[in-house]
Amino acid sequence: MILKKKSVDLQYRINPILGFIAMFVTQDIVMRYFFRKKTIKKSFLFPNNTSIILAPTHRSRWDGLVLTMALGRRVTKKDCRFMVTKSEMSGIQGWFLKRLGCFSIDQLKPSLSALRYAVNLIVKKEQLVVFPEGKINKYGKKLSLKEGVYRLALLAKKTSNPITIVPIGIAYSQINPKFRDDVSLCFGDPLILDDHKDLSIKKFNEILNEKMIRAEKIALKNVGR
């Protein structure tokens, strides 16, 4: 992995006014009325005093709103801080996303500033969301996960202990979610980095992927697929 020295435009604080408006519009109006039934399944308690990386499947542009519904400020008193691709941070959309706590990273040549920022979020026990598949995988095809989750966890481990990676499965009653469809989010069994720090990236990703898919299968069952 080659690190670029060039800095990136990072928004370090969530704009409180935009954050309040976005939460109201997306959660109280859009999510409330667009989806008919919303199911969240969690089989464990989030450990206290630990740094957490959320690693969800990525099937739709709705995934971010579903994650915020399940783990946003109203639930955990923490915001979900999304790591997204550079293409998603362009134009007006990018302007809003930066001020809502998202930041971009070049998957092929990540900059030092973006990596430091992501590690800093982990160390400060913020809720960092990284989609290991690297893109929307609408049909759930088998992909090789990106290396980012494990690399970030190892970097953060040098100054933060312990670190928990939470695999998440998200499913909709149709591949392309439509008005009054159902949605489900399921938390998989967490991975404690200390238990896997000596694994190769390939082996770690195989374990993570297996847990993500297992969680997704439960979510799919909840929406009748």
C-alpha atoms as a PDB file:
ATOM      1  CA  MET A   1       0.000   0.000   0.000  1.00  0.00           C
ATOM      2  CA  ILE A   2       1.532   3.328  -1.112  1.00  0.00           C
ATOM      3  CA  LEU A   3       0.924   6.348   1.125  1.00  0.00           C
ATOM      4  CA  LYS A   4       0.604   9.722  -0.527  1.00  0.00           C
ATOM      5  CA  LYS A   5       2.060  12.672   1.350  1.00  0.00           C
ATOM      6  CA  LYS A   6      -0.450  15.047  -0.124  1.00  0.00           C
ATOM      7  CA  SER A   7      -3.023  16.147   2.446  1.00  0.00           C
ATOM      8  CA  VAL A   8      -6.758  15.865   1.930  1.00  0.00           C
ATOM      9  CA  ASP A   9      -9.639  18.117   2.818  1.00  0.00           C
ATOM     10  CA  LEU A  10     -10.898  16.719   6.099  1.00  0.00           C
ATOM     11  CA  GLN A  11     -13.772  18.146   8.125  1.00  0.00           C
ATOM     12  CA  TYR A  12     -12.828  17.481  11.724  1.00  0.00           C
ATOM     13  CA  ARG A  13     -16.073  18.577  13.377  1.00  0.00           C
ATOM     14  CA  ILE A  14     -19.676  17.840  12.570  1.00  0.00           C
ATOM     15  CA  ASN A  15     -21.659  21.003  11.965  1.00  0.00           C
ATOM     16  CA  PRO A  16     -24.221  20.945  14.824  1.00  0.00           C
ATOM     17  CA  ILE A  17     -26.949  22.768  12.888  1.00  0.00           C
ATOM     18  CA  LEU A  18     -26.616  20.624   9.765  1.00  0.00           C
ATOM     19  CA  GLY A  19     -26.316  17.548  11.962  1.00  0.00           C
ATOM     20  CA  PHE A  20     -29.580  18.322  13.740  1.00  0.00           C
ATOM     21  CA  ILE A  21     -31.414  19.058  10.492  1.00  0.00           C
ATOM     22  CA  ALA A  22     -30.020  15.951   8.791  1.00  0.00           C
ATOM     23  CA  MET A  23     -30.997  13.729  11.717  1.00  0.00           C
ATOM     24  CA  PHE A  24     -34.525  15.105  11.781  1.00  0.00           C
ATOM     25  CA  VAL A  25     -35.072  14.818   8.029  1.00  0.00           C
ATOM     26  CA  THR A  26     -33.469  11.408   7.520  1.00  0.00           C
ATOM     27  CA  GLN A  27     -34.611   9.613  10.661  1.00  0.00           C
ATOM     28  CA  ASP A  28     -37.908  11.258  11.602  1.00  0.00           C
ATOM     29  CA  ILE A  29     -39.249  11.641   8.081  1.00  0.00           C
ATOM     30  CA  VAL A  30     -37.417   9.605   5.443  1.00  0.00           C
ATOM     31  CA  MET A  31     -36.638   6.425   7.397  1.00  0.00           C
ATOM     32  CA  ARG A  32     -39.888   6.544   9.319  1.00  0.00           C
ATOM     33  CA  TYR A  33     -42.133   6.653   6.283  1.00  0.00           C
ATOM     34  CA  PHE A  34     -40.090   5.085   3.477  1.00  0.00           C
ATOM     35  CA  PHE A  35     -39.602   1.708   5.122  1.00  0.00           C
ATOM     36  CA  ARG A  36     -42.617  -0.236   6.381  1.00  0.00           C
ATOM     37  CA  LYS A  37     -40.783  -2.412   8.894  1.00  0.00           C
ATOM     38  CA  LYS A  38     -37.342  -1.897  10.406  1.00  0.00           C
ATOM     39  CA  THR A  39     -35.693  -4.756  12.321  1.00  0.00           C
ATOM     40  CA  ILE A  40     -32.470  -4.542  14.298  1.00  0.00           C
ATOM     41  CA  LYS A  41     -31.002  -7.728  15.750  1.00  0.00           C
ATOM     42  CA  LYS A  42     -28.160  -7.650  18.249  1.00  0.00           C
ATOM     43  CA  SER A  43     -27.004 -10.731  20.146  1.00  0.00           C
ATOM     44  CA  PHE A  44     -24.298  -9.108  22.296  1.00  0.00           C
ATOM     45  CA  LEU A  45     -23.578  -6.022  24.362  1.00  0.00           C
ATOM     46  CA  PHE A  46     -21.097  -3.510  22.995  1.00  0.00           C
ATOM     47  CA  PRO A  47     -18.039  -3.617  25.257  1.00  0.00           C
ATOM     48  CA  ASN A  48     -17.371  -0.567  27.376  1.00  0.00           C
ATOM     49  CA  ASN A  49     -14.212   1.506  27.089  1.00  0.00           C
ATOM     50  CA  THR A  50     -13.132   0.038  23.791  1.00  0.00           C
ATOM     51  CA  SER A  51     -12.449   1.412  20.347  1.00  0.00           C
ATOM     52  CA  ILE A  52     -14.921   0.121  17.760  1.00  0.00           C
ATOM     53  CA  ILE A  53     -14.769  -0.194  13.984  1.00  0.00           C
ATOM     54  CA  LEU A  54     -18.090  -0.972  12.309  1.00  0.00           C
ATOM     55  CA  ALA A  55     -17.729  -3.224   9.253  1.00  0.00           C
ATOM     56  CA  PRO A  56     -21.059  -3.563   7.393  1.00  0.00           C
ATOM     57  CA  THR A  57     -22.028  -5.175   4.116  1.00  0.00           C
ATOM     58  CA  HIS A  58     -22.776  -2.590   1.435  1.00  0.00           C
ATOM     59  CA  ARG A  59     -25.878  -3.284  -0.646  1.00  0.00           C
ATOM     60  CA  SER A  60     -27.492   0.120  -1.139  1.00  0.00           C
ATOM     61  CA  ARG A  61     -27.090   3.860  -0.697  1.00  0.00           C
ATOM     62  CA  TRP A  62     -29.609   3.460   2.116  1.00  0.00           C
ATOM     63  CA  ASP A  63     -27.024   1.629   4.224  1.00  0.00           C
ATOM     64  CA  GLY A  64     -25.677   4.794   5.835  1.00  0.00           C
ATOM     65  CA  LEU A  65     -29.123   5.883   7.025  1.00  0.00           C
ATOM     66  CA  VAL A  66     -29.884   2.397   8.324  1.00  0.00           C
ATOM     67  CA  LEU A  67     -26.630   2.365  10.299  1.00  0.00           C
ATOM     68  CA  THR A  68     -27.383   5.792  11.727  1.00  0.00           C
ATOM     69  CA  MET A  69     -30.829   4.563  12.766  1.00  0.00           C
ATOM     70  CA  ALA A  70     -29.295   1.575  14.570  1.00  0.00           C
ATOM     71  CA  LEU A  71     -26.169   3.202  16.019  1.00  0.00           C
ATOM     72  CA  GLY A  72     -26.451   6.955  15.609  1.00  0.00           C
ATOM     73  CA  ARG A  73     -26.312   9.666  18.249  1.00  0.00           C
ATOM     74  CA  ARG A  74     -29.836   8.981  19.457  1.00  0.00           C
ATOM     75  CA  VAL A  75     -28.912   5.401  20.313  1.00  0.00           C
ATOM     76  CA  THR A  76     -25.254   5.486  21.377  1.00  0.00           C
ATOM     77  CA  LYS A  77     -24.736   9.220  21.983  1.00  0.00           C
ATOM     78  CA  LYS A  78     -22.051   9.004  19.274  1.00  0.00           C
ATOM     79  CA  ASP A  79     -22.137   9.893  15.587  1.00  0.00           C
ATOM     80  CA  CYS A  80     -21.292   7.377  12.891  1.00  0.00           C
ATOM     81  CA  ARG A  81     -18.161   8.640  11.132  1.00  0.00           C
ATOM     82  CA  PHE A  82     -18.155   7.206   7.618  1.00  0.00           C
ATOM     83  CA  MET A  83     -15.060   6.541   5.553  1.00  0.00           C
ATOM     84  CA  VAL A  84     -16.199   6.907   1.924  1.00  0.00           C
ATOM     85  CA  THR A  85     -14.672   6.922  -1.545  1.00  0.00           C
ATOM     86  CA  LYS A  86     -13.387  10.120  -3.152  1.00  0.00           C
ATOM     87  CA  SER A  87     -16.134  10.069  -5.789  1.00  0.00           C
ATOM     88  CA  GLU A  88     -18.811  10.361  -3.088  1.00  0.00           C
ATOM     89  CA  MET A  89     -17.231  13.557  -1.732  1.00  0.00           C
ATOM     90  CA  SER A  90     -17.546  15.643  -4.866  1.00  0.00           C
ATOM     91  CA  GLY A  91     -19.920  18.522  -5.569  1.00  0.00           C
ATOM     92  CA  ILE A  92     -22.787  19.575  -3.316  1.00  0.00           C
ATOM     93  CA  GLN A  93     -23.141  16.069  -1.905  1.00  0.00           C
ATOM     94  CA  GLY A  94     -19.520  16.142  -0.778  1.00  0.00           C
ATOM     95  CA  TRP A  95     -19.968  19.565   0.822  1.00  0.00           C
ATOM     96  CA  PHE A  96     -22.768  18.224   3.020  1.00  0.00           C
ATOM     97  CA  LEU A  97     -21.074  14.903   3.767  1.00  0.00           C
ATOM     98  CA  LYS A  98     -17.912  16.605   5.032  1.00  0.00           C
ATOM     99  CA  ARG A  99     -19.971  18.657   7.464  1.00  0.00           C
ATOM    100  CA  LEU A 100     -21.833  15.571   8.648  1.00  0.00           C
ATOM    101  CA  GLY A 101     -18.693  13.732   9.690  1.00  0.00           C
ATOM    102  CA  CYS A 102     -17.771  11.803   6.535  1.00  0.00           C
ATOM    103  CA  PHE A 103     -14.302  11.828   5.033  1.00  0.00           C
ATOM    104  CA  SER A 104     -12.809  10.368   1.891  1.00  0.00           C
ATOM    105  CA  ILE A 105      -9.876   8.089   1.231  1.00  0.00           C
ATOM    106  CA  ASP A 106      -8.208   6.956  -1.959  1.00  0.00           C
ATOM    107  CA  GLN A 107      -8.428   3.167  -1.713  1.00  0.00           C
ATOM    108  CA  LEU A 108      -5.424   2.595  -3.984  1.00  0.00           C
ATOM    109  CA  LYS A 109      -3.176   5.379  -2.657  1.00  0.00           C
ATOM    110  CA  PRO A 110      -4.435   6.506   0.758  1.00  0.00           C
ATOM    111  CA  SER A 111      -2.967   9.763   2.014  1.00  0.00           C
ATOM    112  CA  LEU A 112      -1.155   9.994   5.328  1.00  0.00           C
ATOM    113  CA  SER A 113      -3.567  12.665   6.560  1.00  0.00           C
ATOM    114  CA  ALA A 114      -6.645  10.509   5.871  1.00  0.00           C
ATOM    115  CA  LEU A 115      -5.096   7.504   7.600  1.00  0.00           C
ATOM    116  CA  ARG A 116      -4.055   9.575  10.607  1.00  0.00           C
ATOM    117  CA  TYR A 117      -7.524  11.037  10.841  1.00  0.00           C
ATOM    118  CA  ALA A 118      -9.162   7.593  10.709  1.00  0.00           C
ATOM    119  CA  VAL A 119      -6.780   6.222  13.348  1.00  0.00           C
ATOM    120  CA  ASN A 120      -7.427   9.271  15.525  1.00  0.00           C
ATOM    121  CA  LEU A 121     -11.171   8.602  15.380  1.00  0.00           C
ATOM    122  CA  ILE A 122     -10.591   5.014  16.493  1.00  0.00           C
ATOM    123  CA  VAL A 123      -8.296   6.052  19.333  1.00  0.00           C
ATOM    124  CA  LYS A 124     -10.835   8.624  20.535  1.00  0.00           C
ATOM    125  CA  LYS A 125     -13.460   5.844  20.593  1.00  0.00           C
ATOM    126  CA  GLU A 126     -15.598   7.399  17.900  1.00  0.00           C
ATOM    127  CA  GLN A 127     -17.784   5.102  15.785  1.00  0.00           C
ATOM    128  CA  LEU A 128     -15.791   4.658  12.605  1.00  0.00           C
ATOM    129  CA  VAL A 129     -17.713   2.980   9.766  1.00  0.00           C
ATOM    130  CA  VAL A 130     -15.670   1.281   7.047  1.00  0.00           C
ATOM    131  CA  PHE A 131     -17.319  -0.732   4.259  1.00  0.00           C
ATOM    132  CA  PRO A 132     -14.801  -3.593   3.761  1.00  0.00           C
ATOM    133  CA  GLU A 133     -16.216  -4.449   0.318  1.00  0.00           C
ATOM    134  CA  GLY A 134     -15.084  -1.010  -0.850  1.00  0.00           C
ATOM    135  CA  LYS A 135     -18.177  -0.261  -2.926  1.00  0.00           C
ATOM    136  CA  ILE A 136     -21.885  -0.976  -3.223  1.00  0.00           C
ATOM    137  CA  ASN A 137     -22.180  -4.702  -3.889  1.00  0.00           C
ATOM    138  CA  LYS A 138     -25.886  -4.757  -4.731  1.00  0.00           C
ATOM    139  CA  TYR A 139     -26.206  -8.452  -5.517  1.00  0.00           C
ATOM    140  CA  GLY A 140     -23.962  -9.653  -2.705  1.00  0.00           C
ATOM    141  CA  LYS A 141     -21.327 -11.148  -4.989  1.00  0.00           C
ATOM    142  CA  LYS A 142     -18.348 -12.727  -3.297  1.00  0.00           C
ATOM    143  CA  LEU A 143     -15.580 -10.116  -3.201  1.00  0.00           C
ATOM    144  CA  SER A 144     -12.122  -9.929  -1.708  1.00  0.00           C
ATOM    145  CA  LEU A 145     -12.398  -7.472   1.140  1.00  0.00           C
ATOM    146  CA  LYS A 146     -10.199  -4.387   1.140  1.00  0.00           C
ATOM    147  CA  GLU A 147      -7.277  -4.294   3.544  1.00  0.00           C
ATOM    148  CA  GLY A 148      -8.273  -1.044   5.244  1.00  0.00           C
ATOM    149  CA  VAL A 149     -10.118  -2.354   8.301  1.00  0.00           C
ATOM    150  CA  TYR A 150      -7.283  -4.593   9.503  1.00  0.00           C
ATOM    151  CA  ARG A 151      -4.555  -2.064   8.693  1.00  0.00           C
ATOM    152  CA  LEU A 152      -6.351   0.742  10.517  1.00  0.00           C
ATOM    153  CA  ALA A 153      -6.986  -1.484  13.512  1.00  0.00           C
ATOM    154  CA  LEU A 154      -3.311  -2.458  13.712  1.00  0.00           C
ATOM    155  CA  LEU A 155      -2.214   1.182  13.445  1.00  0.00           C
ATOM    156  CA  ALA A 156      -4.669   2.258  16.146  1.00  0.00           C
ATOM    157  CA  LYS A 157      -3.633  -0.665  18.357  1.00  0.00           C
ATOM    158  CA  LYS A 158      -0.302   1.044  18.961  1.00  0.00           C
ATOM    159  CA  THR A 159      -2.013   3.759  21.012  1.00  0.00           C
ATOM    160  CA  SER A 160      -5.437   2.300  21.850  1.00  0.00           C
ATOM    161  CA  ASN A 161      -6.421  -0.901  23.581  1.00  0.00           C
ATOM    162  CA  PRO A 162      -8.585  -2.906  23.097  1.00  0.00           C
ATOM    163  CA  ILE A 163     -10.064  -2.600  19.590  1.00  0.00           C
ATOM    164  CA  THR A 164     -13.265  -4.348  18.557  1.00  0.00           C
ATOM    165  CA  ILE A 165     -14.375  -4.854  14.952  1.00  0.00           C
ATOM    166  CA  VAL A 166     -18.117  -5.395  14.560  1.00  0.00           C
ATOM    167  CA  PRO A 167     -19.314  -7.198  11.404  1.00  0.00           C
ATOM    168  CA  ILE A 168     -22.778  -6.083  10.296  1.00  0.00           C
ATOM    169  CA  GLY A 169     -25.248  -7.441   7.784  1.00  0.00           C
ATOM    170  CA  ILE A 170     -27.855  -5.190   6.157  1.00  0.00           C
ATOM    171  CA  ALA A 171     -30.698  -6.503   3.998  1.00  0.00           C
ATOM    172  CA  TYR A 172     -33.770  -5.150   2.207  1.00  0.00           C
ATOM    173  CA  SER A 173     -36.906  -6.985   1.121  1.00  0.00           C
ATOM    174  CA  GLN A 174     -35.942  -6.173  -2.483  1.00  0.00           C
ATOM    175  CA  ILE A 175     -32.523  -5.797  -4.071  1.00  0.00           C
ATOM    176  CA  ASN A 176     -33.468  -2.250  -5.054  1.00  0.00           C
ATOM    177  CA  PRO A 177     -35.330  -0.879  -2.008  1.00  0.00           C
ATOM    178  CA  LYS A 178     -38.702   0.661  -2.805  1.00  0.00           C
ATOM    179  CA  PHE A 179     -41.264   2.644  -0.858  1.00  0.00           C
ATOM    180  CA  ARG A 180     -42.755   0.650   2.056  1.00  0.00           C
ATOM    181  CA  ASP A 181     -40.235  -2.167   1.762  1.00  0.00           C
ATOM    182  CA  ASP A 182     -38.711  -3.783   4.849  1.00  0.00           C
ATOM    183  CA  VAL A 183     -35.139  -3.390   6.085  1.00  0.00           C
ATOM    184  CA  SER A 184     -33.131  -5.323   8.643  1.00  0.00           C
ATOM    185  CA  LEU A 185     -29.743  -4.846  10.258  1.00  0.00           C
ATOM    186  CA  CYS A 186     -28.014  -7.640  12.155  1.00  0.00           C
ATOM    187  CA  PHE A 187     -24.854  -7.435  14.248  1.00  0.00           C
ATOM    188  CA  GLY A 188     -22.422 -10.327  13.869  1.00  0.00           C
ATOM    189  CA  ASP A 189     -20.133 -11.678  16.549  1.00  0.00           C
ATOM    190  CA  PRO A 190     -17.444  -9.064  17.207  1.00  0.00           C
ATOM    191  CA  LEU A 191     -13.770  -9.597  16.449  1.00  0.00           C
ATOM    192  CA  ILE A 192     -11.340  -8.559  19.200  1.00  0.00           C
ATOM    193  CA  LEU A 193      -8.109  -7.496  17.538  1.00  0.00           C
ATOM    194  CA  ASP A 194      -5.928  -8.964  20.306  1.00  0.00           C
ATOM    195  CA  ASP A 195      -7.271 -12.397  19.382  1.00  0.00           C
ATOM    196  CA  HIS A 196      -6.363 -11.997  15.675  1.00  0.00           C
ATOM    197  CA  LYS A 197      -3.392  -9.607  15.511  1.00  0.00           C
ATOM    198  CA  ASP A 198      -0.978 -12.315  14.364  1.00  0.00           C
ATOM    199  CA  LEU A 199      -3.093 -13.347  11.375  1.00  0.00           C
ATOM    200  CA  SER A 200      -2.300 -12.387   7.811  1.00  0.00           C
ATOM    201  CA  ILE A 201      -4.549  -9.778   6.235  1.00  0.00           C
ATOM    202  CA  LYS A 202      -5.963 -12.432   3.913  1.00  0.00           C
ATOM    203  CA  LYS A 203      -6.905 -14.779   6.766  1.00  0.00           C
ATOM    204  CA  PHE A 204      -8.341 -11.975   8.881  1.00  0.00           C
ATOM    205  CA  ASN A 205     -10.480 -10.800   5.966  1.00  0.00           C
ATOM    206  CA  GLU A 206     -11.746 -14.331   5.416  1.00  0.00           C
ATOM    207  CA  ILE A 207     -12.925 -14.492   9.032  1.00  0.00           C
ATOM    208  CA  LEU A 208     -14.444 -11.006   8.871  1.00  0.00           C
ATOM    209  CA  ASN A 209     -16.205 -11.747   5.589  1.00  0.00           C
ATOM    210  CA  GLU A 210     -17.651 -14.979   6.972  1.00  0.00           C
ATOM    211  CA  LYS A 211     -19.076 -13.126   9.978  1.00  0.00           C
ATOM    212  CA  MET A 212     -20.496 -10.338   7.784  1.00  0.00           C
ATOM    213  CA  ILE A 213     -22.227 -12.842   5.484  1.00  0.00           C
ATOM    214  CA  ARG A 214     -23.551 -14.830   8.448  1.00  0.00           C
ATOM    215  CA  ALA A 215     -25.060 -11.641   9.891  1.00  0.00           C
ATOM    216  CA  GLU A 216     -26.490 -10.730   6.497  1.00  0.00           C
ATOM    217  CA  LYS A 217     -28.191 -14.115   6.169  1.00  0.00           C
ATOM    218  CA  ILE A 218     -30.082 -13.428   9.399  1.00  0.00           C
ATOM    219  CA  ALA A 219     -31.020  -9.973   8.122  1.00  0.00           C
ATOM    220  CA  LEU A 220     -32.216 -11.470   4.828  1.00  0.00           C
ATOM    221  CA  LYS A 221     -34.390 -13.931   6.708  1.00  0.00           C
ATOM    222  CA  ASN A 222     -35.919 -11.056   8.674  1.00  0.00           C
ATOM    223  CA  VAL A 223     -37.062  -9.380   5.434  1.00  0.00           C
ATOM    224  CA  GLY A 224     -38.323 -12.572   3.826  1.00  0.00           C
ATOM    225  CA  ARG A 225     -35.490 -13.329   1.415  1.00  0.00           C
END
